C-alpha cells in the first residue's frame, strides 16, 4: 500500500491555479458539460498545459445530455424514443 493524499478543489478553470503545479492526478467528473463556451474552448489548454498531471480522469454524461454535443448517427438508439 502507498500513502495517498487527496484534496478536493472547487473553483474556476478559466485561469491557471498555482496550487495545481506538480499535481499527480486531476479528476474532472461531470465538469465539461457545465462550462460556458469560452471556458470550454480553453479547458484542455489550461488544465493540461499549465498543470500537466501524470494522470487525468475525466468523465462526461452521454452526448445527448449536452447542448454542445450533437446527436449523430453513432452510438446506441434511445430505447425510450426521446
Protein backbone atom coordinates (compact mmCIF):
# COMPACT_ATOMS: atom_id res chain seq x y z
CA UNK A 1 0.00 0.00 0.00
CA UNK A 2 1.03 3.57 -0.68
CA UNK A 3 0.21 6.73 1.25
CA UNK A 4 -2.50 8.68 -0.60
CA UNK A 5 -3.01 12.39 -0.03
CA UNK A 6 -6.23 13.70 -1.53
CA UNK A 7 -7.51 17.28 -1.79
CA UNK A 8 -10.80 18.38 -3.23
CA UNK A 9 -10.89 21.74 -5.01
CA UNK A 10 -13.83 23.73 -6.30
CA UNK A 11 -13.45 26.77 -8.49
CA UNK A 12 -12.97 28.25 -11.91
CA UNK A 13 -10.87 26.62 -14.60
CA UNK A 14 -10.54 29.65 -16.83
CA UNK A 15 -7.18 30.68 -15.40
CA UNK A 16 -4.12 28.80 -14.10
CA UNK A 17 -4.07 27.86 -10.42
CA UNK A 18 -0.55 27.74 -8.90
CA UNK A 19 -1.80 25.25 -6.28
CA UNK A 20 -2.02 22.59 -9.01
CA UNK A 21 1.67 22.80 -10.03
CA UNK A 22 3.28 19.36 -9.72
CA UNK A 23 -0.01 17.61 -9.07
CA UNK A 24 -0.03 13.88 -9.81
CA UNK A 25 -3.68 13.37 -10.80
CA UNK A 26 -6.55 15.63 -11.80
CA UNK A 27 -10.09 14.27 -11.73
CA UNK A 28 -12.79 16.24 -13.57
CA UNK A 29 -16.04 14.34 -13.07
CA UNK A 30 -19.09 15.66 -14.89
CA UNK A 31 -17.45 19.07 -15.41
CA UNK A 32 -17.22 19.87 -19.13
CA UNK A 33 -20.97 19.90 -19.70
CA UNK A 34 -21.28 22.84 -17.26
CA UNK A 35 -18.57 25.04 -18.78
CA UNK A 36 -19.53 28.15 -20.76
CA UNK A 37 -18.36 28.01 -24.37
CA UNK A 38 -15.45 30.44 -23.86
CA UNK A 39 -14.14 28.39 -20.90
CA UNK A 40 -14.78 25.10 -22.71
CA UNK A 41 -12.53 26.25 -25.57
CA UNK A 42 -9.58 26.75 -23.19
CA UNK A 43 -10.29 23.91 -20.74
CA UNK A 44 -7.73 21.42 -22.09
CA UNK A 45 -5.06 24.07 -22.62
CA UNK A 46 -5.38 25.46 -19.08
CA UNK A 47 -5.76 22.08 -17.40
CA UNK A 48 -3.09 20.13 -19.29
CA UNK A 49 -0.82 22.93 -20.49
CA UNK A 50 -0.42 24.66 -17.13
CA UNK A 51 -0.98 21.72 -14.80
CA UNK A 52 0.30 18.65 -16.65
CA UNK A 53 -0.68 15.81 -14.30
CA UNK A 54 0.68 12.30 -14.57
CA UNK A 55 -2.92 11.07 -14.66
CA UNK A 56 -6.17 12.68 -15.82
CA UNK A 57 -9.54 11.14 -15.06
CA UNK A 58 -12.39 12.86 -16.83
CA UNK A 59 -15.98 11.71 -17.15
CA UNK A 60 -18.89 13.17 -19.06
CA UNK A 61 -22.57 12.37 -19.41
CA UNK A 62 -23.92 10.81 -22.63
CA UNK A 63 -23.58 13.00 -25.75
CA UNK A 64 -27.33 13.68 -25.88
CA UNK A 65 -27.28 15.34 -22.44
CA UNK A 66 -25.33 18.41 -23.52
CA UNK A 67 -26.33 21.11 -25.98
CA UNK A 68 -22.67 21.43 -27.10
CA UNK A 69 -22.66 17.82 -28.32
CA UNK A 70 -25.00 16.95 -31.14
CA UNK A 71 -26.69 13.59 -31.58
CA UNK A 72 -25.14 11.96 -34.60
CA UNK A 73 -25.70 8.69 -36.38
CA UNK A 74 -23.49 6.82 -33.93
CA UNK A 75 -23.97 5.34 -30.50
CA UNK A 76 -26.99 3.42 -29.36
CA UNK A 77 -30.57 4.48 -30.04
CA UNK A 78 -32.54 5.69 -27.02
CA UNK A 79 -34.92 2.84 -26.10
CA UNK A 80 -37.46 5.34 -24.71
CA UNK A 81 -37.79 7.07 -28.10
CA UNK A 82 -36.87 10.52 -26.72
